[in-house]
PDB file of all heavy atoms in Angstrom:
ATOM      1  N   VAL A   1      30.562 -24.647   0.280  1.00  0.00           N
ATOM      2  CA  VAL A   1      29.260 -24.129  -0.006  1.00  0.00           C
ATOM      3  C   VAL A   1      29.350 -22.545  -0.066  1.00  0.00           C
ATOM      4  O   VAL A   1      29.966 -21.972   0.821  1.00  0.00           O
ATOM      5  CB  VAL A   1      28.286 -24.546   1.082  1.00  0.00           C
ATOM      6  CG1 VAL A   1      26.899 -23.906   0.932  1.00  0.00           C
ATOM      7  CG2 VAL A   1      28.168 -26.048   1.105  1.00  0.00           C
ATOM      8  N   PRO A   2      28.717 -21.909  -1.057  1.00  0.00           N
ATOM      9  CA  PRO A   2      28.843 -20.489  -1.119  1.00  0.00           C
ATOM     10  C   PRO A   2      28.365 -19.722   0.115  1.00  0.00           C
ATOM     11  O   PRO A   2      27.458 -20.209   0.773  1.00  0.00           O
ATOM     12  CB  PRO A   2      27.943 -20.157  -2.392  1.00  0.00           C
ATOM     13  CG  PRO A   2      27.930 -21.409  -3.157  1.00  0.00           C
ATOM     14  CD  PRO A   2      28.033 -22.548  -2.105  1.00  0.00           C
ATOM     15  N   GLU A   3      28.948 -18.640   0.403  1.00  0.00           N
ATOM     16  CA  GLU A   3      28.587 -17.805   1.489  1.00  0.00           C
ATOM     17  C   GLU A   3      27.145 -17.158   1.271  1.00  0.00           C
ATOM     18  O   GLU A   3      26.803 -16.962   0.189  1.00  0.00           O
ATOM     19  CB  GLU A   3      29.563 -16.702   1.754  1.00  0.00           C
ATOM     20  CG  GLU A   3      30.964 -17.180   2.194  1.00  0.00           C
ATOM     21  CD  GLU A   3      30.966 -17.506   3.679  1.00  0.00           C
ATOM     22  OE1 GLU A   3      30.071 -17.083   4.395  1.00  0.00           O
ATOM     23  OE2 GLU A   3      31.943 -18.257   4.047  1.00  0.00           O
ATOM     24  N   ILE A   4      26.456 -16.956   2.369  1.00  0.00           N
ATOM     25  CA  ILE A   4      25.166 -16.368   2.304  1.00  0.00           C
ATOM     26  C   ILE A   4      25.340 -14.825   2.360  1.00  0.00           C
ATOM     27  O   ILE A   4      25.934 -14.361   3.275  1.00  0.00           O
ATOM     28  CB  ILE A   4      24.240 -16.802   3.477  1.00  0.00           C
ATOM     29  CG1 ILE A   4      24.015 -18.251   3.462  1.00  0.00           C
ATOM     30  CG2 ILE A   4      22.905 -16.093   3.454  1.00  0.00           C
ATOM     31  CD1 ILE A   4      23.232 -18.833   4.610  1.00  0.00           C
ATOM     32  N   PRO A   5      24.832 -14.115   1.372  1.00  0.00           N
ATOM     33  CA  PRO A   5      24.859 -12.638   1.455  1.00  0.00           C
ATOM     34  C   PRO A   5      24.059 -12.116   2.642  1.00  0.00           C
ATOM     35  O   PRO A   5      23.061 -12.701   3.032  1.00  0.00           O
ATOM     36  CB  PRO A   5      24.292 -12.149   0.158  1.00  0.00           C
ATOM     37  CG  PRO A   5      23.401 -13.258  -0.307  1.00  0.00           C
ATOM     38  CD  PRO A   5      24.025 -14.528   0.219  1.00  0.00           C
ATOM     39  N   TYR A   6      24.526 -11.013   3.220  1.00  0.00           N
ATOM     40  CA  TYR A   6      23.781 -10.454   4.407  1.00  0.00           C
ATOM     41  C   TYR A   6      22.563  -9.720   3.923  1.00  0.00           C
ATOM     42  O   TYR A   6      22.615  -8.662   3.323  1.00  0.00           O
ATOM     43  CB  TYR A   6      24.730  -9.499   5.194  1.00  0.00           C
ATOM     44  CG  TYR A   6      24.032  -8.886   6.382  1.00  0.00           C
ATOM     45  CD1 TYR A   6      23.511  -9.669   7.383  1.00  0.00           C
ATOM     46  CD2 TYR A   6      24.026  -7.543   6.452  1.00  0.00           C
ATOM     47  CE1 TYR A   6      22.909  -9.143   8.453  1.00  0.00           C
ATOM     48  CE2 TYR A   6      23.360  -6.907   7.604  1.00  0.00           C
ATOM     49  CZ  TYR A   6      22.831  -7.750   8.630  1.00  0.00           C
ATOM     50  OH  TYR A   6      22.245  -7.222   9.704  1.00  0.00           O
ATOM     51  N   GLN A   7      21.444 -10.349   4.157  1.00  0.00           N
ATOM     52  CA  GLN A   7      20.133  -9.810   3.788  1.00  0.00           C
ATOM     53  C   GLN A   7      19.185  -9.924   4.967  1.00  0.00           C
ATOM     54  O   GLN A   7      18.421 -10.946   5.008  1.00  0.00           O
ATOM     55  CB  GLN A   7      19.529 -10.449   2.573  1.00  0.00           C
ATOM     56  CG  GLN A   7      20.451 -10.216   1.313  1.00  0.00           C
ATOM     57  CD  GLN A   7      20.002 -11.021   0.079  1.00  0.00           C
ATOM     58  OE1 GLN A   7      19.332 -12.031   0.186  1.00  0.00           O
ATOM     59  NE2 GLN A   7      20.261 -10.531  -1.129  1.00  0.00           N
ATOM     60  N   PRO A   8      19.126  -9.007   5.873  1.00  0.00           N
ATOM     61  CA  PRO A   8      18.273  -9.125   7.073  1.00  0.00           C
ATOM     62  C   PRO A   8      16.782  -9.316   6.675  1.00  0.00           C
ATOM     63  O   PRO A   8      16.273  -8.622   5.816  1.00  0.00           O
ATOM     64  CB  PRO A   8      18.484  -7.807   7.830  1.00  0.00           C
ATOM     65  CG  PRO A   8      19.767  -7.276   7.250  1.00  0.00           C
ATOM     66  CD  PRO A   8      19.874  -7.754   5.857  1.00  0.00           C
ATOM     67  N   ARG A   9      16.121 -10.177   7.393  1.00  0.00           N
ATOM     68  CA  ARG A   9      14.668 -10.467   7.029  1.00  0.00           C
ATOM     69  C   ARG A   9      13.781  -9.345   7.505  1.00  0.00           C
ATOM     70  O   ARG A   9      12.693  -9.213   7.000  1.00  0.00           O
ATOM     71  CB  ARG A   9      14.291 -11.767   7.741  1.00  0.00           C
ATOM     72  CG  ARG A   9      15.078 -12.971   7.303  1.00  0.00           C
ATOM     73  CD  ARG A   9      15.157 -13.130   5.790  1.00  0.00           C
ATOM     74  NE  ARG A   9      13.820 -13.520   5.238  1.00  0.00           N
ATOM     75  CZ  ARG A   9      13.526 -13.516   3.980  1.00  0.00           C
ATOM     76  NH1 ARG A   9      14.411 -13.120   3.051  1.00  0.00           N
ATOM     77  NH2 ARG A   9      12.316 -13.858   3.510  1.00  0.00           N
ATOM     78  N   THR A  10      14.319  -8.491   8.441  1.00  0.00           N
ATOM     79  CA  THR A  10      13.533  -7.403   8.852  1.00  0.00           C
ATOM     80  C   THR A  10      13.301  -6.419   7.645  1.00  0.00           C
ATOM     81  O   THR A  10      12.307  -5.665   7.606  1.00  0.00           O
ATOM     82  CB  THR A  10      14.207  -6.600   9.975  1.00  0.00           C
ATOM     83  OG1 THR A  10      15.583  -6.371   9.634  1.00  0.00           O
ATOM     84  CG2 THR A  10      14.170  -7.318  11.272  1.00  0.00           C
ATOM     85  N   ALA A  11      14.269  -6.400   6.706  1.00  0.00           N
ATOM     86  CA  ALA A  11      14.079  -5.565   5.488  1.00  0.00           C
ATOM     87  C   ALA A  11      12.889  -6.097   4.678  1.00  0.00           C
ATOM     88  O   ALA A  11      12.133  -5.283   4.100  1.00  0.00           O
ATOM     89  CB  ALA A  11      15.297  -5.598   4.615  1.00  0.00           C
ATOM     90  N   GLU A  12      12.682  -7.400   4.673  1.00  0.00           N
ATOM     91  CA  GLU A  12      11.536  -7.928   3.990  1.00  0.00           C
ATOM     92  C   GLU A  12      10.248  -7.583   4.667  1.00  0.00           C
ATOM     93  O   GLU A  12       9.207  -7.213   4.045  1.00  0.00           O
ATOM     94  CB  GLU A  12      11.663  -9.515   3.939  1.00  0.00           C
ATOM     95  CG  GLU A  12      10.572 -10.227   3.106  1.00  0.00           C
ATOM     96  CD  GLU A  12      10.652  -9.918   1.622  1.00  0.00           C
ATOM     97  OE1 GLU A  12      11.672  -9.385   1.160  1.00  0.00           O
ATOM     98  OE2 GLU A  12       9.700 -10.313   0.902  1.00  0.00           O
ATOM     99  N   SER A  13      10.252  -7.539   6.003  1.00  0.00           N
ATOM    100  CA  SER A  13       9.116  -7.166   6.802  1.00  0.00           C
ATOM    101  C   SER A  13       8.724  -5.713   6.456  1.00  0.00           C
ATOM    102  O   SER A  13       7.543  -5.364   6.311  1.00  0.00           O
ATOM    103  CB  SER A  13       9.271  -7.390   8.230  1.00  0.00           C
ATOM    104  OG  SER A  13       9.538  -8.760   8.577  1.00  0.00           O
ATOM    105  N   LEU A  14       9.739  -4.895   6.431  1.00  0.00           N
ATOM    106  CA  LEU A  14       9.497  -3.455   6.121  1.00  0.00           C
ATOM    107  C   LEU A  14       8.909  -3.218   4.702  1.00  0.00           C
ATOM    108  O   LEU A  14       8.070  -2.409   4.526  1.00  0.00           O
ATOM    109  CB  LEU A  14      10.797  -2.676   6.226  1.00  0.00           C
ATOM    110  CG  LEU A  14      11.309  -2.456   7.703  1.00  0.00           C
ATOM    111  CD1 LEU A  14      12.706  -1.829   7.703  1.00  0.00           C
ATOM    112  CD2 LEU A  14      10.382  -1.499   8.500  1.00  0.00           C
ATOM    113  N   ARG A  15       9.432  -4.043   3.753  1.00  0.00           N
ATOM    114  CA  ARG A  15       8.875  -3.956   2.458  1.00  0.00           C
ATOM    115  C   ARG A  15       7.431  -4.364   2.380  1.00  0.00           C
ATOM    116  O   ARG A  15       6.641  -3.666   1.712  1.00  0.00           O
ATOM    117  CB  ARG A  15       9.743  -4.847   1.500  1.00  0.00           C
ATOM    118  CG  ARG A  15       9.300  -4.784   0.028  1.00  0.00           C
ATOM    119  CD  ARG A  15       9.951  -5.921  -0.844  1.00  0.00           C
ATOM    120  NE  ARG A  15       9.514  -7.238  -0.374  1.00  0.00           N
ATOM    121  CZ  ARG A  15       8.394  -7.763  -0.688  1.00  0.00           C
ATOM    122  NH1 ARG A  15       7.484  -7.139  -1.392  1.00  0.00           N
ATOM    123  NH2 ARG A  15       8.043  -8.988  -0.209  1.00  0.00           N
ATOM    124  N   GLU A  16       7.082  -5.361   3.087  1.00  0.00           N
ATOM    125  CA  GLU A  16       5.632  -5.853   3.181  1.00  0.00           C
ATOM    126  C   GLU A  16       4.780  -4.764   3.762  1.00  0.00           C
ATOM    127  O   GLU A  16       3.640  -4.578   3.377  1.00  0.00           O
ATOM    128  CB  GLU A  16       5.562  -7.159   3.874  1.00  0.00           C
ATOM    129  CG  GLU A  16       6.220  -8.341   3.082  1.00  0.00           C
ATOM    130  CD  GLU A  16       6.326  -9.604   3.916  1.00  0.00           C
ATOM    131  OE1 GLU A  16       6.094  -9.525   5.187  1.00  0.00           O
ATOM    132  OE2 GLU A  16       6.633 -10.637   3.342  1.00  0.00           O
ATOM    133  N   VAL A  17       5.308  -4.124   4.818  1.00  0.00           N
ATOM    134  CA  VAL A  17       4.578  -3.050   5.468  1.00  0.00           C
ATOM    135  C   VAL A  17       4.345  -1.897   4.552  1.00  0.00           C
ATOM    136  O   VAL A  17       3.128  -1.427   4.422  1.00  0.00           O
ATOM    137  CB  VAL A  17       5.299  -2.528   6.703  1.00  0.00           C
ATOM    138  CG1 VAL A  17       4.673  -1.207   7.224  1.00  0.00           C
ATOM    139  CG2 VAL A  17       5.264  -3.554   7.846  1.00  0.00           C
ATOM    140  N   ARG A  18       5.305  -1.519   3.761  1.00  0.00           N
ATOM    141  CA  ARG A  18       5.093  -0.471   2.709  1.00  0.00           C
ATOM    142  C   ARG A  18       4.073  -0.868   1.730  1.00  0.00           C
ATOM    143  O   ARG A  18       3.251  -0.061   1.323  1.00  0.00           O
ATOM    144  CB  ARG A  18       6.429  -0.102   2.110  1.00  0.00           C
ATOM    145  CG  ARG A  18       7.346   0.700   2.971  1.00  0.00           C
ATOM    146  CD  ARG A  18       8.518   1.216   2.168  1.00  0.00           C
ATOM    147  NE  ARG A  18       9.371   0.178   1.662  1.00  0.00           N
ATOM    148  CZ  ARG A  18      10.453  -0.240   2.238  1.00  0.00           C
ATOM    149  NH1 ARG A  18      10.794   0.257   3.440  1.00  0.00           N
ATOM    150  NH2 ARG A  18      11.194  -1.213   1.681  1.00  0.00           N
ATOM    151  N   GLU A  19       4.096  -2.096   1.218  1.00  0.00           N
ATOM    152  CA  GLU A  19       3.166  -2.543   0.245  1.00  0.00           C
ATOM    153  C   GLU A  19       1.736  -2.546   0.734  1.00  0.00           C
ATOM    154  O   GLU A  19       0.830  -2.053   0.057  1.00  0.00           O
ATOM    155  CB  GLU A  19       3.562  -3.968  -0.305  1.00  0.00           C
ATOM    156  CG  GLU A  19       4.803  -4.032  -1.108  1.00  0.00           C
ATOM    157  CD  GLU A  19       5.088  -5.431  -1.618  1.00  0.00           C
ATOM    158  OE1 GLU A  19       4.357  -6.372  -1.139  1.00  0.00           O
ATOM    159  OE2 GLU A  19       6.034  -5.525  -2.382  1.00  0.00           O
ATOM    160  N   VAL A  20       1.583  -3.088   1.963  1.00  0.00           N
ATOM    161  CA  VAL A  20       0.216  -3.133   2.556  1.00  0.00           C
ATOM    162  C   VAL A  20      -0.265  -1.669   2.779  1.00  0.00           C
ATOM    163  O   VAL A  20      -1.474  -1.332   2.503  1.00  0.00           O
ATOM    164  CB  VAL A  20       0.181  -3.882   3.877  1.00  0.00           C
ATOM    165  CG1 VAL A  20      -1.153  -3.761   4.622  1.00  0.00           C
ATOM    166  CG2 VAL A  20       0.454  -5.361   3.547  1.00  0.00           C
ATOM    167  N   THR A  21       0.574  -0.803   3.259  1.00  0.00           N
ATOM    168  CA  THR A  21       0.214   0.582   3.523  1.00  0.00           C
ATOM    169  C   THR A  21      -0.202   1.311   2.224  1.00  0.00           C
ATOM    170  O   THR A  21      -1.173   2.008   2.151  1.00  0.00           O
ATOM    171  CB  THR A  21       1.378   1.347   4.178  1.00  0.00           C
ATOM    172  OG1 THR A  21       1.700   0.695   5.387  1.00  0.00           O
ATOM    173  CG2 THR A  21       0.960   2.762   4.463  1.00  0.00           C
ATOM    174  N   ASP A  22       0.605   1.099   1.126  1.00  0.00           N
ATOM    175  CA  ASP A  22       0.233   1.702  -0.120  1.00  0.00           C
ATOM    176  C   ASP A  22      -1.100   1.205  -0.626  1.00  0.00           C
ATOM    177  O   ASP A  22      -1.902   1.994  -1.160  1.00  0.00           O
ATOM    178  CB  ASP A  22       1.381   1.406  -1.145  1.00  0.00           C
ATOM    179  CG  ASP A  22       2.634   2.123  -0.879  1.00  0.00           C
ATOM    180  OD1 ASP A  22       2.642   3.056  -0.116  1.00  0.00           O
ATOM    181  OD2 ASP A  22       3.716   1.688  -1.451  1.00  0.00           O
ATOM    182  N   ARG A  23      -1.311  -0.117  -0.501  1.00  0.00           N
ATOM    183  CA  ARG A  23      -2.614  -0.623  -1.051  1.00  0.00           C
ATOM    184  C   ARG A  23      -3.806  -0.092  -0.246  1.00  0.00           C
ATOM    185  O   ARG A  23      -4.787   0.287  -0.817  1.00  0.00           O
ATOM    186  CB  ARG A  23      -2.582  -2.163  -0.959  1.00  0.00           C
ATOM    187  CG  ARG A  23      -1.742  -2.855  -2.024  1.00  0.00           C
ATOM    188  CD  ARG A  23      -2.136  -4.288  -2.178  1.00  0.00           C
ATOM    189  NE  ARG A  23      -2.063  -5.017  -0.947  1.00  0.00           N
ATOM    190  CZ  ARG A  23      -0.980  -5.724  -0.438  1.00  0.00           C
ATOM    191  NH1 ARG A  23       0.100  -5.693  -1.194  1.00  0.00           N
ATOM    192  NH2 ARG A  23      -1.053  -6.340   0.656  1.00  0.00           N
ATOM    193  N   MET A  24      -3.712  -0.072   1.105  1.00  0.00           N
ATOM    194  CA  MET A  24      -4.867   0.325   1.889  1.00  0.00           C
ATOM    195  C   MET A  24      -5.108   1.835   1.659  1.00  0.00           C
ATOM    196  O   MET A  24      -6.324   2.276   1.637  1.00  0.00           O
ATOM    197  CB  MET A  24      -4.752   0.033   3.322  1.00  0.00           C
ATOM    198  CG  MET A  24      -3.684   0.828   4.090  1.00  0.00           C
ATOM    199  SD  MET A  24      -3.439   0.092   5.799  1.00  0.00           S
ATOM    200  CE  MET A  24      -2.297   1.340   6.454  1.00  0.00           C
ATOM    201  N   TYR A  25      -4.156   2.679   1.537  1.00  0.00           N
ATOM    202  CA  TYR A  25      -4.353   4.156   1.343  1.00  0.00           C
ATOM    203  C   TYR A  25      -4.908   4.361  -0.101  1.00  0.00           C
ATOM    204  O   TYR A  25      -5.703   5.309  -0.317  1.00  0.00           O
ATOM    205  CB  TYR A  25      -3.116   4.953   1.626  1.00  0.00           C
ATOM    206  CG  TYR A  25      -2.932   5.139   3.096  1.00  0.00           C
ATOM    207  CD1 TYR A  25      -1.821   4.644   3.796  1.00  0.00           C
ATOM    208  CD2 TYR A  25      -3.908   5.877   3.852  1.00  0.00           C
ATOM    209  CE1 TYR A  25      -1.719   4.835   5.151  1.00  0.00           C
ATOM    210  CE2 TYR A  25      -3.758   6.086   5.224  1.00  0.00           C
ATOM    211  CZ  TYR A  25      -2.655   5.516   5.854  1.00  0.00           C
ATOM    212  OH  TYR A  25      -2.528   5.708   7.227  1.00  0.00           O
ATOM    213  N   ALA A  26      -4.411   3.589  -1.073  1.00  0.00           N
ATOM    214  CA  ALA A  26      -5.000   3.676  -2.433  1.00  0.00           C
ATOM    215  C   ALA A  26      -6.472   3.435  -2.411  1.00  0.00           C
ATOM    216  O   ALA A  26      -7.259   4.032  -3.117  1.00  0.00           O
ATOM    217  CB  ALA A  26      -4.190   2.757  -3.295  1.00  0.00           C
ATOM    218  N   ARG A  27      -6.873   2.396  -1.614  1.00  0.00           N
ATOM    219  CA  ARG A  27      -8.271   2.019  -1.549  1.00  0.00           C
ATOM    220  C   ARG A  27      -9.071   3.123  -0.913  1.00  0.00           C
ATOM    221  O   ARG A  27     -10.235   3.468  -1.360  1.00  0.00           O
ATOM    222  CB  ARG A  27      -8.378   0.720  -0.765  1.00  0.00           C
ATOM    223  CG  ARG A  27      -9.836   0.167  -0.710  1.00  0.00           C
ATOM    224  CD  ARG A  27      -9.866  -1.212   0.053  1.00  0.00           C
ATOM    225  NE  ARG A  27     -11.239  -1.698   0.167  1.00  0.00           N
ATOM    226  CZ  ARG A  27     -11.497  -2.813   0.777  1.00  0.00           C
ATOM    227  NH1 ARG A  27     -10.554  -3.496   1.356  1.00  0.00           N
ATOM    228  NH2 ARG A  27     -12.762  -3.110   0.907  1.00  0.00           N
ATOM    229  N   VAL A  28      -8.514   3.711   0.144  1.00  0.00           N
ATOM    230  CA  VAL A  28      -9.278   4.848   0.852  1.00  0.00           C
ATOM    231  C   VAL A  28      -9.323   5.989  -0.101  1.00  0.00           C
ATOM    232  O   VAL A  28     -10.419   6.631  -0.206  1.00  0.00           O
ATOM    233  CB  VAL A  28      -8.488   5.263   2.066  1.00  0.00           C
ATOM    234  CG1 VAL A  28      -9.086   6.618   2.642  1.00  0.00           C
ATOM    235  CG2 VAL A  28      -8.592   4.147   3.114  1.00  0.00           C
ATOM    236  N   ARG A  29      -8.314   6.365  -0.876  1.00  0.00           N
ATOM    237  CA  ARG A  29      -8.339   7.482  -1.837  1.00  0.00           C
ATOM    238  C   ARG A  29      -9.352   7.264  -2.902  1.00  0.00           C
ATOM    239  O   ARG A  29     -10.114   8.158  -3.253  1.00  0.00           O
ATOM    240  CB  ARG A  29      -6.962   7.728  -2.422  1.00  0.00           C
ATOM    241  CG  ARG A  29      -5.928   8.362  -1.445  1.00  0.00           C
ATOM    242  CD  ARG A  29      -4.746   8.882  -2.202  1.00  0.00           C
ATOM    243  NE  ARG A  29      -4.028   7.797  -2.890  1.00  0.00           N
ATOM    244  CZ  ARG A  29      -3.017   7.076  -2.349  1.00  0.00           C
ATOM    245  NH1 ARG A  29      -2.710   7.357  -1.139  1.00  0.00           N
ATOM    246  NH2 ARG A  29      -2.434   6.118  -3.050  1.00  0.00           N
ATOM    247  N   ALA A  30      -9.462   6.006  -3.431  1.00  0.00           N
ATOM    248  CA  ALA A  30     -10.362   5.723  -4.503  1.00  0.00           C
ATOM    249  C   ALA A  30     -11.805   5.795  -3.937  1.00  0.00           C
ATOM    250  O   ALA A  30     -12.709   6.375  -4.666  1.00  0.00           O
ATOM    251  CB  ALA A  30     -10.120   4.297  -5.020  1.00  0.00           C
ATOM    252  N   ALA A  31     -12.081   5.367  -2.748  1.00  0.00           N
ATOM    253  CA  ALA A  31     -13.442   5.474  -2.144  1.00  0.00           C
ATOM    254  C   ALA A  31     -13.817   6.894  -1.921  1.00  0.00           C
ATOM    255  O   ALA A  31     -14.935   7.297  -2.102  1.00  0.00           O
ATOM    256  CB  ALA A  31     -13.423   4.594  -0.866  1.00  0.00           C
ATOM    257  N   THR A  32     -12.824   7.727  -1.417  1.00  0.00           N
ATOM    258  CA  THR A  32     -13.056   9.094  -1.175  1.00  0.00           C
ATOM    259  C   THR A  32     -13.411   9.840  -2.474  1.00  0.00           C
ATOM    260  O   THR A  32     -14.349  10.687  -2.558  1.00  0.00           O
ATOM    261  CB  THR A  32     -11.783   9.777  -0.523  1.00  0.00           C
ATOM    262  OG1 THR A  32     -11.577   9.045   0.706  1.00  0.00           O
ATOM    263  CG2 THR A  32     -12.133  11.195  -0.186  1.00  0.00           C
ATOM    264  N   THR A  33     -12.648   9.527  -3.539  1.00  0.00           N
ATOM    265  CA  THR A  33     -12.914  10.151  -4.832  1.00  0.00           C
ATOM    266  C   THR A  33     -14.347   9.783  -5.338  1.00  0.00           C
ATOM    267  O   THR A  33     -15.072  10.637  -5.856  1.00  0.00           O
ATOM    268  CB  THR A  33     -11.886   9.689  -5.910  1.00  0.00           C
ATOM    269  OG1 THR A  33     -10.602  10.079  -5.418  1.00  0.00           O
ATOM    270  CG2 THR A  33     -12.162  10.302  -7.221  1.00  0.00           C
ATOM    271  N   ALA A  34     -14.697   8.533  -5.171  1.00  0.00           N
ATOM    272  CA  ALA A  34     -16.017   8.128  -5.579  1.00  0.00           C
ATOM    273  C   ALA A  34     -17.167   8.855  -4.818  1.00  0.00           C
ATOM    274  O   ALA A  34     -18.208   9.226  -5.370  1.00  0.00           O
ATOM    275  CB  ALA A  34     -16.216   6.598  -5.405  1.00  0.00           C
ATOM    276  N   LEU A  35     -16.938   9.066  -3.554  1.00  0.00           N
ATOM    277  CA  LEU A  35     -17.886   9.777  -2.703  1.00  0.00           C
ATOM    278  C   LEU A  35     -18.019  11.255  -3.127  1.00  0.00           C
ATOM    279  O   LEU A  35     -19.175  11.752  -3.253  1.00  0.00           O
ATOM    280  CB  LEU A  35     -17.519   9.687  -1.219  1.00  0.00           C
ATOM    281  CG  LEU A  35     -18.433  10.441  -0.251  1.00  0.00           C
ATOM    282  CD1 LEU A  35     -19.867   9.838  -0.334  1.00  0.00           C
ATOM    283  CD2 LEU A  35     -17.926  10.306   1.184  1.00  0.00           C
ATOM    284  N   HIS A  36     -16.926  11.871  -3.408  1.00  0.00           N
ATOM    285  CA  HIS A  36     -16.922  13.298  -3.916  1.00  0.00           C
ATOM    286  C   HIS A  36     -17.687  13.401  -5.219  1.00  0.00           C
ATOM    287  O   HIS A  36     -18.460  14.334  -5.420  1.00  0.00           O
ATOM    288  CB  HIS A  36     -15.503  13.788  -4.070  1.00  0.00           C
ATOM    289  CG  HIS A  36     -14.894  14.306  -2.760  1.00  0.00           C
ATOM    290  ND1 HIS A  36     -15.296  15.452  -2.174  1.00  0.00           N
ATOM    291  CD2 HIS A  36     -13.886  13.738  -2.026  1.00  0.00           C
ATOM    292  CE1 HIS A  36     -14.574  15.610  -1.068  1.00  0.00           C
ATOM    293  NE2 HIS A  36     -13.718  14.584  -0.988  1.00  0.00           N
ATOM    294  N   GLU A  37     -17.473  12.423  -6.099  1.00  0.00           N
ATOM    295  CA  GLU A  37     -18.156  12.424  -7.367  1.00  0.00           C
ATOM    296  C   GLU A  37     -19.616  12.310  -7.183  1.00  0.00           C
ATOM    297  O   GLU A  37     -20.446  12.957  -7.870  1.00  0.00           O
ATOM    298  CB  GLU A  37     -17.577  11.342  -8.303  1.00  0.00           C
ATOM    299  CG  GLU A  37     -16.167  11.643  -8.762  1.00  0.00           C
ATOM    300  CD  GLU A  37     -15.636  10.516  -9.644  1.00  0.00           C
ATOM    301  OE1 GLU A  37     -16.379   9.449  -9.748  1.00  0.00           O
ATOM    302  OE2 GLU A  37     -14.485  10.603 -10.208  1.00  0.00           O
ATOM    303  N   ALA A  38     -20.067  11.379  -6.316  1.00  0.00           N
ATOM    304  CA  ALA A  38     -21.446  11.084  -6.139  1.00  0.00           C
ATOM    305  C   ALA A  38     -22.126  12.367  -5.495  1.00  0.00           C
ATOM    306  O   ALA A  38     -23.306  12.647  -5.890  1.00  0.00           O
ATOM    307  CB  ALA A  38     -21.637   9.950  -5.164  1.00  0.00           C
ATOM    308  N   ILE A  39     -21.432  13.081  -4.665  1.00  0.00           N
ATOM    309  CA  ILE A  39     -21.998  14.311  -4.058  1.00  0.00           C
ATOM    310  C   ILE A  39     -22.064  15.474  -5.042  1.00  0.00           C
ATOM    311  O   ILE A  39     -23.092  16.115  -5.262  1.00  0.00           O
ATOM    312  CB  ILE A  39     -21.273  14.644  -2.800  1.00  0.00           C
ATOM    313  CG1 ILE A  39     -21.406  13.603  -1.778  1.00  0.00           C
ATOM    314  CG2 ILE A  39     -21.756  16.079  -2.292  1.00  0.00           C
ATOM    315  CD1 ILE A  39     -20.584  13.822  -0.489  1.00  0.00           C
ATOM    316  N   HIS A  40     -20.889  15.791  -5.672  1.00  0.00           N
ATOM    317  CA  HIS A  40     -20.802  16.946  -6.519  1.00  0.00           C
ATOM    318  C   HIS A  40     -21.499  16.789  -7.901  1.00  0.00           C
ATOM    319  O   HIS A  40     -21.926  17.790  -8.478  1.00  0.00           O
ATOM    320  CB  HIS A  40     -19.325  17.309  -6.721  1.00  0.00           C
ATOM    321  CG  HIS A  40     -18.632  17.755  -5.481  1.00  0.00           C
ATOM    322  ND1 HIS A  40     -19.002  18.886  -4.789  1.00  0.00           N
ATOM    323  CD2 HIS A  40     -17.615  17.149  -4.718  1.00  0.00           C
ATOM    324  CE1 HIS A  40     -18.204  18.976  -3.657  1.00  0.00           C
ATOM    325  NE2 HIS A  40     -17.364  17.972  -3.688  1.00  0.00           N
ATOM    326  N   GLU A  41     -21.591  15.564  -8.341  1.00  0.00           N
ATOM    327  CA  GLU A  41     -22.279  15.355  -9.586  1.00  0.00           C
ATOM    328  C   GLU A  41     -23.693  14.999  -9.404  1.00  0.00           C
ATOM    329  O   GLU A  41     -24.427  14.637 -10.333  1.00  0.00           O
ATOM    330  CB  GLU A  41     -21.571  14.275 -10.341  1.00  0.00           C
ATOM    331  CG  GLU A  41     -20.122  14.634 -10.791  1.00  0.00           C
ATOM    332  CD  GLU A  41     -19.457  13.450 -11.560  1.00  0.00           C
ATOM    333  OE1 GLU A  41     -20.131  12.484 -11.894  1.00  0.00           O
ATOM    334  OE2 GLU A  41     -18.216  13.555 -11.796  1.00  0.00           O
ATOM    335  N   LYS A  42     -24.126  14.966  -8.121  1.00  0.00           N
ATOM    336  CA  LYS A  42     -25.568  14.786  -7.802  1.00  0.00           C
ATOM    337  C   LYS A  42     -26.094  13.484  -8.353  1.00  0.00           C
ATOM    338  O   LYS A  42     -27.082  13.437  -9.087  1.00  0.00           O
ATOM    339  CB  LYS A  42     -26.456  15.940  -8.222  1.00  0.00           C
ATOM    340  CG  LYS A  42     -25.979  17.272  -7.542  1.00  0.00           C
ATOM    341  CD  LYS A  42     -26.890  18.408  -8.004  1.00  0.00           C
ATOM    342  CE  LYS A  42     -26.404  19.701  -7.304  1.00  0.00           C
ATOM    343  NZ  LYS A  42     -27.203  20.870  -7.797  1.00  0.00           N
ATOM    344  N   LYS A  43     -25.410  12.394  -8.074  1.00  0.00           N
ATOM    345  CA  LYS A  43     -25.770  11.091  -8.583  1.00  0.00           C
ATOM    346  C   LYS A  43     -26.909  10.455  -7.883  1.00  0.00           C
ATOM    347  O   LYS A  43     -27.381   9.383  -8.206  1.00  0.00           O
ATOM    348  CB  LYS A  43     -24.558  10.127  -8.549  1.00  0.00           C
ATOM    349  CG  LYS A  43     -23.469  10.590  -9.544  1.00  0.00           C
ATOM    350  CD  LYS A  43     -22.313   9.523  -9.538  1.00  0.00           C
ATOM    351  CE  LYS A  43     -21.231   9.880 -10.609  1.00  0.00           C
ATOM    352  NZ  LYS A  43     -20.158   8.927 -10.611  1.00  0.00           N
TER     353      LYS A  43
END
């Protein structure tokens, strides 16, 4: 049976953390931009 390549699962956990972090900060940035526009453009 072929050998298993060494691929620690903690690396997968770190990748998921980065993805979640990127998504949540993108959402915060988008909401902040929308608030700035509403204020400065006097919506």
